[in-house]
Amino acid sequence: MASSSTSPVPTTCSRKNLDELPQFKGTNTTTEFLTRHLFEHLAGAARAGKLGRDGRELKSIRVTVAESPLARAWYEAPLW
């Protein structure tokens, strides 16, 4: 879980009911949606070089979110 104010992962989603957040009004906030949302934040940070190294060294990012030990979703896409 991201908790640092300098983290590229949005902490505004942490431990919240996403359906109650204004930025997600009218959105079906499934686990699949959340993986894509987190990917977009990480991809932006990587492209800006905010992940601790040159973002061009990364070809893609994969985000996995587990709902339970048996249920999970992931999103993976190239950065460039």
N, C-alpha and C. Protein backbone atom coordinates (compact mmCIF):
# COMPACT_ATOMS: atom_id res chain seq x y z
N MET A 1 0.84 -1.17 0.00
CA MET A 1 0.00 0.00 0.00
C MET A 1 0.89 1.24 0.00
N ALA A 2 0.56 2.18 -0.83
CA ALA A 2 1.32 3.43 -0.90
C ALA A 2 0.82 4.37 0.18
N SER A 3 1.76 4.95 0.91
CA SER A 3 1.34 5.88 1.95
C SER A 3 2.17 7.15 1.96
N SER A 4 3.19 7.22 1.17
CA SER A 4 4.06 8.39 1.15
C SER A 4 3.47 9.48 0.27
N SER A 5 3.66 10.72 0.67
CA SER A 5 3.15 11.83 -0.14
C SER A 5 3.94 11.97 -1.44
N THR A 6 5.12 11.35 -1.51
CA THR A 6 5.91 11.39 -2.74
C THR A 6 5.68 10.16 -3.60
N SER A 7 4.81 9.28 -3.17
CA SER A 7 4.53 8.06 -3.92
C SER A 7 3.79 8.37 -5.21
N PRO A 8 4.14 7.67 -6.30
CA PRO A 8 3.40 7.88 -7.55
C PRO A 8 2.01 7.25 -7.53
N VAL A 9 1.73 6.41 -6.53
CA VAL A 9 0.42 5.77 -6.42
C VAL A 9 -0.49 6.69 -5.61
N PRO A 10 -1.68 6.98 -6.12
CA PRO A 10 -2.58 7.91 -5.42
C PRO A 10 -3.08 7.35 -4.09
N THR A 11 -2.74 8.00 -3.01
CA THR A 11 -3.17 7.55 -1.69
C THR A 11 -4.61 7.98 -1.40
N THR A 12 -5.19 8.80 -2.25
CA THR A 12 -6.59 9.22 -2.04
C THR A 12 -7.54 8.03 -2.16
N CYS A 13 -7.08 6.93 -2.75
CA CYS A 13 -7.92 5.74 -2.91
C CYS A 13 -7.75 4.75 -1.77
N SER A 14 -6.73 4.92 -0.98
CA SER A 14 -6.38 3.95 0.05
C SER A 14 -7.46 3.85 1.12
N ARG A 15 -7.93 2.62 1.32
CA ARG A 15 -8.90 2.30 2.36
C ARG A 15 -10.20 3.12 2.26
N LYS A 16 -10.62 3.39 1.05
CA LYS A 16 -11.83 4.17 0.82
C LYS A 16 -12.79 3.36 -0.05
N ASN A 17 -14.06 3.68 0.06
CA ASN A 17 -15.05 3.14 -0.86
C ASN A 17 -14.97 4.00 -2.12
N LEU A 18 -14.43 3.45 -3.19
CA LEU A 18 -14.21 4.22 -4.41
C LEU A 18 -15.50 4.78 -4.99
N ASP A 19 -16.60 4.07 -4.78
CA ASP A 19 -17.89 4.53 -5.30
C ASP A 19 -18.34 5.84 -4.65
N GLU A 20 -17.77 6.17 -3.50
CA GLU A 20 -18.15 7.39 -2.79
C GLU A 20 -17.23 8.58 -3.12
N LEU A 21 -16.16 8.37 -3.88
CA LEU A 21 -15.24 9.46 -4.22
C LEU A 21 -15.76 10.23 -5.42
N PRO A 22 -15.74 11.57 -5.36
CA PRO A 22 -16.31 12.37 -6.44
C PRO A 22 -15.67 12.13 -7.81
N GLN A 23 -14.37 11.85 -7.85
CA GLN A 23 -13.71 11.65 -9.13
C GLN A 23 -14.15 10.36 -9.84
N PHE A 24 -14.83 9.47 -9.12
CA PHE A 24 -15.29 8.23 -9.72
C PHE A 24 -16.81 8.17 -9.84
N LYS A 25 -17.47 9.30 -9.68
CA LYS A 25 -18.92 9.34 -9.76
C LYS A 25 -19.37 8.81 -11.13
N GLY A 26 -20.31 7.88 -11.11
CA GLY A 26 -20.84 7.31 -12.34
C GLY A 26 -19.95 6.25 -12.97
N THR A 27 -18.88 5.85 -12.27
CA THR A 27 -17.96 4.84 -12.77
C THR A 27 -18.16 3.53 -12.01
N ASN A 28 -18.12 2.44 -12.72
CA ASN A 28 -18.18 1.13 -12.08
C ASN A 28 -16.77 0.81 -11.61
N THR A 29 -16.51 0.98 -10.33
CA THR A 29 -15.15 0.88 -9.78
C THR A 29 -14.79 -0.57 -9.44
N THR A 30 -14.67 -1.37 -10.47
CA THR A 30 -14.29 -2.76 -10.31
C THR A 30 -12.79 -2.87 -10.04
N THR A 31 -12.36 -4.04 -9.68
CA THR A 31 -10.93 -4.28 -9.49
C THR A 31 -10.18 -4.04 -10.79
N GLU A 32 -10.79 -4.42 -11.91
CA GLU A 32 -10.16 -4.18 -13.21
C GLU A 32 -10.00 -2.69 -13.47
N PHE A 33 -11.01 -1.91 -13.11
CA PHE A 33 -10.92 -0.46 -13.25
C PHE A 33 -9.77 0.08 -12.40
N LEU A 34 -9.67 -0.40 -11.17
CA LEU A 34 -8.64 0.09 -10.27
C LEU A 34 -7.23 -0.22 -10.79
N THR A 35 -7.04 -1.41 -11.37
CA THR A 35 -5.71 -1.73 -11.91
C THR A 35 -5.33 -0.75 -13.02
N ARG A 36 -6.26 -0.41 -13.89
CA ARG A 36 -5.97 0.54 -14.97
C ARG A 36 -5.71 1.93 -14.40
N HIS A 37 -6.48 2.34 -13.42
CA HIS A 37 -6.31 3.65 -12.78
C HIS A 37 -4.91 3.75 -12.15
N LEU A 38 -4.50 2.72 -11.43
CA LEU A 38 -3.17 2.72 -10.83
C LEU A 38 -2.07 2.68 -11.89
N PHE A 39 -2.30 1.92 -12.96
CA PHE A 39 -1.33 1.90 -14.06
C PHE A 39 -1.11 3.30 -14.62
N GLU A 40 -2.18 4.03 -14.86
CA GLU A 40 -2.06 5.37 -15.43
C GLU A 40 -1.21 6.28 -14.54
N HIS A 41 -1.39 6.19 -13.24
CA HIS A 41 -0.58 7.00 -12.32
C HIS A 41 0.88 6.58 -12.34
N LEU A 42 1.13 5.27 -12.31
CA LEU A 42 2.51 4.78 -12.34
C LEU A 42 3.17 5.08 -13.67
N ALA A 43 2.44 4.93 -14.75
CA ALA A 43 3.00 5.21 -16.08
C ALA A 43 3.39 6.68 -16.20
N GLY A 44 2.55 7.57 -15.71
CA GLY A 44 2.88 9.00 -15.74
C GLY A 44 4.13 9.30 -14.94
N ALA A 45 4.26 8.68 -13.76
CA ALA A 45 5.44 8.88 -12.93
C ALA A 45 6.68 8.31 -13.61
N ALA A 46 6.55 7.14 -14.23
CA ALA A 46 7.69 6.53 -14.92
C ALA A 46 8.14 7.39 -16.09
N ARG A 47 7.20 7.87 -16.87
CA ARG A 47 7.55 8.71 -18.04
C ARG A 47 8.22 10.01 -17.62
N ALA A 48 7.89 10.48 -16.41
CA ALA A 48 8.50 11.71 -15.89
C ALA A 48 9.78 11.44 -15.12
N GLY A 49 10.19 10.18 -15.04
CA GLY A 49 11.41 9.83 -14.32
C GLY A 49 11.29 9.92 -12.81
N LYS A 50 10.07 9.76 -12.29
CA LYS A 50 9.83 9.90 -10.85
C LYS A 50 9.83 8.58 -10.09
N LEU A 51 10.28 7.50 -10.73
CA LEU A 51 10.33 6.22 -10.05
C LEU A 51 11.75 5.85 -9.64
N GLY A 52 12.64 6.82 -9.66
CA GLY A 52 14.00 6.59 -9.19
C GLY A 52 14.99 6.22 -10.27
N ARG A 53 14.56 6.15 -11.51
CA ARG A 53 15.46 5.86 -12.62
C ARG A 53 14.88 6.45 -13.89
N ASP A 54 15.66 6.43 -14.93
CA ASP A 54 15.19 6.95 -16.22
C ASP A 54 14.02 6.09 -16.69
N GLY A 55 12.89 6.71 -16.93
CA GLY A 55 11.70 5.99 -17.35
C GLY A 55 11.86 5.22 -18.64
N ARG A 56 12.80 5.64 -19.49
CA ARG A 56 13.03 4.94 -20.76
C ARG A 56 13.64 3.56 -20.56
N GLU A 57 14.11 3.29 -19.35
CA GLU A 57 14.65 1.95 -19.06
C GLU A 57 13.53 0.93 -18.87
N LEU A 58 12.32 1.41 -18.66
CA LEU A 58 11.17 0.53 -18.48
C LEU A 58 10.40 0.39 -19.79
N LYS A 59 10.09 -0.82 -20.15
CA LYS A 59 9.33 -1.04 -21.38
C LYS A 59 7.82 -1.10 -21.11
N SER A 60 7.45 -1.64 -19.96
CA SER A 60 6.04 -1.75 -19.62
C SER A 60 5.89 -1.80 -18.10
N ILE A 61 4.66 -1.68 -17.67
CA ILE A 61 4.33 -1.81 -16.24
C ILE A 61 3.13 -2.74 -16.14
N ARG A 62 3.18 -3.60 -15.14
CA ARG A 62 2.06 -4.48 -14.84
C ARG A 62 1.61 -4.20 -13.41
N VAL A 63 0.33 -3.94 -13.24
CA VAL A 63 -0.27 -3.69 -11.93
C VAL A 63 -1.20 -4.86 -11.62
N THR A 64 -1.02 -5.44 -10.44
CA THR A 64 -1.89 -6.53 -10.00
C THR A 64 -2.55 -6.11 -8.69
N VAL A 65 -3.86 -6.29 -8.62
CA VAL A 65 -4.62 -5.99 -7.41
C VAL A 65 -5.33 -7.27 -6.99
N ALA A 66 -5.11 -7.66 -5.74
CA ALA A 66 -5.75 -8.87 -5.22
C ALA A 66 -6.94 -8.50 -4.35
N GLU A 67 -8.08 -9.06 -4.67
CA GLU A 67 -9.28 -8.88 -3.84
C GLU A 67 -9.26 -9.85 -2.67
N SER A 68 -8.68 -11.00 -2.92
CA SER A 68 -8.57 -12.06 -1.91
C SER A 68 -7.42 -12.96 -2.36
N PRO A 69 -7.05 -13.95 -1.57
CA PRO A 69 -5.98 -14.86 -2.00
C PRO A 69 -6.31 -15.60 -3.31
N LEU A 70 -7.58 -15.70 -3.65
CA LEU A 70 -7.97 -16.42 -4.86
C LEU A 70 -8.43 -15.54 -6.01
N ALA A 71 -8.74 -14.29 -5.75
CA ALA A 71 -9.29 -13.41 -6.79
C ALA A 71 -8.38 -12.21 -6.99
N ARG A 72 -7.94 -12.02 -8.24
CA ARG A 72 -7.11 -10.86 -8.54
C ARG A 72 -7.31 -10.44 -9.99
N ALA A 73 -6.91 -9.22 -10.27
CA ALA A 73 -6.97 -8.67 -11.63
C ALA A 73 -5.66 -7.96 -11.89
N TRP A 74 -5.30 -7.87 -13.16
CA TRP A 74 -4.09 -7.13 -13.50
C TRP A 74 -4.28 -6.36 -14.80
N TYR A 75 -3.45 -5.37 -14.95
CA TYR A 75 -3.41 -4.57 -16.18
C TYR A 75 -1.95 -4.37 -16.53
N GLU A 76 -1.60 -4.63 -17.76
CA GLU A 76 -0.22 -4.46 -18.22
C GLU A 76 -0.25 -3.79 -19.59
N ALA A 77 0.65 -2.82 -19.77
CA ALA A 77 0.73 -2.12 -21.05
C ALA A 77 2.12 -1.53 -21.22
N PRO A 78 2.51 -1.31 -22.47
CA PRO A 78 3.80 -0.66 -22.72
C PRO A 78 3.75 0.81 -22.31
N LEU A 79 4.92 1.35 -21.98
CA LEU A 79 4.99 2.77 -21.60
C LEU A 79 5.21 3.68 -22.79
N TRP A 80 5.79 3.18 -23.82
CA TRP A 80 6.16 4.05 -24.95
C TRP A 80 5.54 3.59 -26.23
